[in-house]
């Protein structure tokens, strides 16, 4: 059986890839990253999706993205952007 490692964020794109790999008969392994983001929703979704797909194994790798600088994703002192703004 072909094995597939899928980077699973819990979002639509990575979930689709996981479901596709499973549908193609792969033995799936899911890998997610906990980078100390403000919200755990993505990881909760990734866990539920991995369980639903019945992956062989789901690993969550912990690391602190804040080591490389501030981001609205990780720093509660930085205001979260709202609305549509062009990326600079």
C-alpha atoms as a PDB file:
ATOM      1  CA  UNK A   1       0.000   0.000   0.000  1.00  0.00           C
ATOM      2  CA  UNK A   2       1.243   3.479  -0.867  1.00  0.00           C
ATOM      3  CA  UNK A   3       1.815   5.732   2.130  1.00  0.00           C
ATOM      4  CA  UNK A   4       1.006   9.451   2.121  1.00  0.00           C
ATOM      5  CA  UNK A   5       2.091  12.092   4.601  1.00  0.00           C
ATOM      6  CA  UNK A   6      -0.327  15.008   4.494  1.00  0.00           C
ATOM      7  CA  UNK A   7       0.354  18.358   6.124  1.00  0.00           C
ATOM      8  CA  UNK A   8      -3.027  18.887   7.754  1.00  0.00           C
ATOM      9  CA  UNK A   9      -3.824  22.415   8.905  1.00  0.00           C
ATOM     10  CA  UNK A  10      -7.509  21.754   9.455  1.00  0.00           C
ATOM     11  CA  UNK A  11      -8.472  24.017   6.571  1.00  0.00           C
ATOM     12  CA  UNK A  12     -10.244  23.211   3.330  1.00  0.00           C
ATOM     13  CA  UNK A  13      -7.193  22.701   1.097  1.00  0.00           C
ATOM     14  CA  UNK A  14      -5.254  20.299   3.302  1.00  0.00           C
ATOM     15  CA  UNK A  15      -8.421  18.414   4.252  1.00  0.00           C
ATOM     16  CA  UNK A  16      -9.250  17.934   0.573  1.00  0.00           C
ATOM     17  CA  UNK A  17      -5.766  16.556  -0.068  1.00  0.00           C
ATOM     18  CA  UNK A  18      -6.169  14.108   2.829  1.00  0.00           C
ATOM     19  CA  UNK A  19      -9.580  12.903   1.630  1.00  0.00           C
ATOM     20  CA  UNK A  20      -8.224  12.539  -1.913  1.00  0.00           C
ATOM     21  CA  UNK A  21      -5.218  10.507  -0.762  1.00  0.00           C
ATOM     22  CA  UNK A  22      -7.503   8.253   1.273  1.00  0.00           C
ATOM     23  CA  UNK A  23      -9.884   7.861  -1.701  1.00  0.00           C
ATOM     24  CA  UNK A  24      -6.922   6.808  -3.853  1.00  0.00           C
ATOM     25  CA  UNK A  25      -6.184   4.006  -1.394  1.00  0.00           C
ATOM     26  CA  UNK A  26      -3.210   5.512   0.419  1.00  0.00           C
ATOM     27  CA  UNK A  27      -2.329   4.695   4.003  1.00  0.00           C
ATOM     28  CA  UNK A  28      -2.438   8.249   5.353  1.00  0.00           C
ATOM     29  CA  UNK A  29      -0.361   9.920   8.027  1.00  0.00           C
ATOM     30  CA  UNK A  30      -1.361  13.440   9.067  1.00  0.00           C
ATOM     31  CA  UNK A  31       1.093  16.058  10.320  1.00  0.00           C
ATOM     32  CA  UNK A  32      -0.071  19.303  11.942  1.00  0.00           C
ATOM     33  CA  UNK A  33       1.835  22.176  13.519  1.00  0.00           C
ATOM     34  CA  UNK A  34       1.016  23.950  16.765  1.00  0.00           C
ATOM     35  CA  UNK A  35       2.908  27.217  16.396  1.00  0.00           C
ATOM     36  CA  UNK A  36       1.268  28.752  19.489  1.00  0.00           C
ATOM     37  CA  UNK A  37      -1.398  30.460  17.417  1.00  0.00           C
ATOM     38  CA  UNK A  38      -4.083  32.481  19.193  1.00  0.00           C
ATOM     39  CA  UNK A  39      -6.886  30.160  18.197  1.00  0.00           C
ATOM     40  CA  UNK A  40      -6.837  26.403  18.491  1.00  0.00           C
ATOM     41  CA  UNK A  41      -9.763  25.938  16.069  1.00  0.00           C
ATOM     42  CA  UNK A  42      -7.501  24.831  13.242  1.00  0.00           C
ATOM     43  CA  UNK A  43      -5.857  22.111  15.325  1.00  0.00           C
ATOM     44  CA  UNK A  44      -9.208  20.990  16.695  1.00  0.00           C
ATOM     45  CA  UNK A  45     -10.500  20.726  13.123  1.00  0.00           C
ATOM     46  CA  UNK A  46      -7.371  18.870  12.005  1.00  0.00           C
ATOM     47  CA  UNK A  47      -7.833  16.364  14.822  1.00  0.00           C
ATOM     48  CA  UNK A  48     -11.504  15.772  13.988  1.00  0.00           C
ATOM     49  CA  UNK A  49     -10.750  15.397  10.274  1.00  0.00           C
ATOM     50  CA  UNK A  50      -7.866  12.976  10.923  1.00  0.00           C
ATOM     51  CA  UNK A  51     -10.199  10.880  13.078  1.00  0.00           C
ATOM     52  CA  UNK A  52     -12.949  10.949  10.455  1.00  0.00           C
ATOM     53  CA  UNK A  53     -10.562   9.833   7.711  1.00  0.00           C
ATOM     54  CA  UNK A  54      -9.114   7.209  10.069  1.00  0.00           C
ATOM     55  CA  UNK A  55      -5.501   8.106   9.381  1.00  0.00           C
ATOM     56  CA  UNK A  56      -2.836   5.636  10.461  1.00  0.00           C
ATOM     57  CA  UNK A  57      -1.343   8.317  12.707  1.00  0.00           C
ATOM     58  CA  UNK A  58      -1.786  12.028  13.390  1.00  0.00           C
ATOM     59  CA  UNK A  59       1.144  13.916  14.879  1.00  0.00           C
ATOM     60  CA  UNK A  60       0.995  17.500  16.117  1.00  0.00           C
ATOM     61  CA  UNK A  61       4.428  19.123  16.214  1.00  0.00           C
ATOM     62  CA  UNK A  62       4.821  21.917  18.755  1.00  0.00           C
ATOM     63  CA  UNK A  63       7.063  24.907  18.178  1.00  0.00           C
ATOM     64  CA  UNK A  64       6.927  28.580  19.027  1.00  0.00           C
ATOM     65  CA  UNK A  65       6.702  30.731  15.894  1.00  0.00           C
ATOM     66  CA  UNK A  66       7.140  33.806  18.101  1.00  0.00           C
ATOM     67  CA  UNK A  67      10.882  33.068  18.210  1.00  0.00           C
ATOM     68  CA  UNK A  68      11.154  34.627  14.740  1.00  0.00           C
ATOM     69  CA  UNK A  69       9.168  37.778  15.400  1.00  0.00           C
ATOM     70  CA  UNK A  70       5.708  39.056  16.055  1.00  0.00           C
ATOM     71  CA  UNK A  71       2.645  38.121  14.089  1.00  0.00           C
ATOM     72  CA  UNK A  72      -1.042  38.804  14.524  1.00  0.00           C
ATOM     73  CA  UNK A  73      -1.449  35.013  14.522  1.00  0.00           C
ATOM     74  CA  UNK A  74       0.598  34.561  17.687  1.00  0.00           C
ATOM     75  CA  UNK A  75       0.950  37.892  19.512  1.00  0.00           C
ATOM     76  CA  UNK A  76      -2.030  39.134  21.507  1.00  0.00           C
ATOM     77  CA  UNK A  77      -0.478  42.634  21.513  1.00  0.00           C
ATOM     78  CA  UNK A  78      -0.835  42.898  17.721  1.00  0.00           C
ATOM     79  CA  UNK A  79      -4.331  43.727  16.513  1.00  0.00           C
ATOM     80  CA  UNK A  80      -5.892  41.206  14.163  1.00  0.00           C
ATOM     81  CA  UNK A  81      -6.552  42.740  10.731  1.00  0.00           C
ATOM     82  CA  UNK A  82     -10.169  42.920   9.650  1.00  0.00           C
ATOM     83  CA  UNK A  83     -11.755  43.183   6.238  1.00  0.00           C
ATOM     84  CA  UNK A  84     -10.105  42.985   2.850  1.00  0.00           C
ATOM     85  CA  UNK A  85      -6.726  44.639   2.683  1.00  0.00           C
ATOM     86  CA  UNK A  86      -4.118  44.174  -0.027  1.00  0.00           C
ATOM     87  CA  UNK A  87      -1.063  42.150   0.941  1.00  0.00           C
ATOM     88  CA  UNK A  88       2.086  44.239   0.971  1.00  0.00           C
END
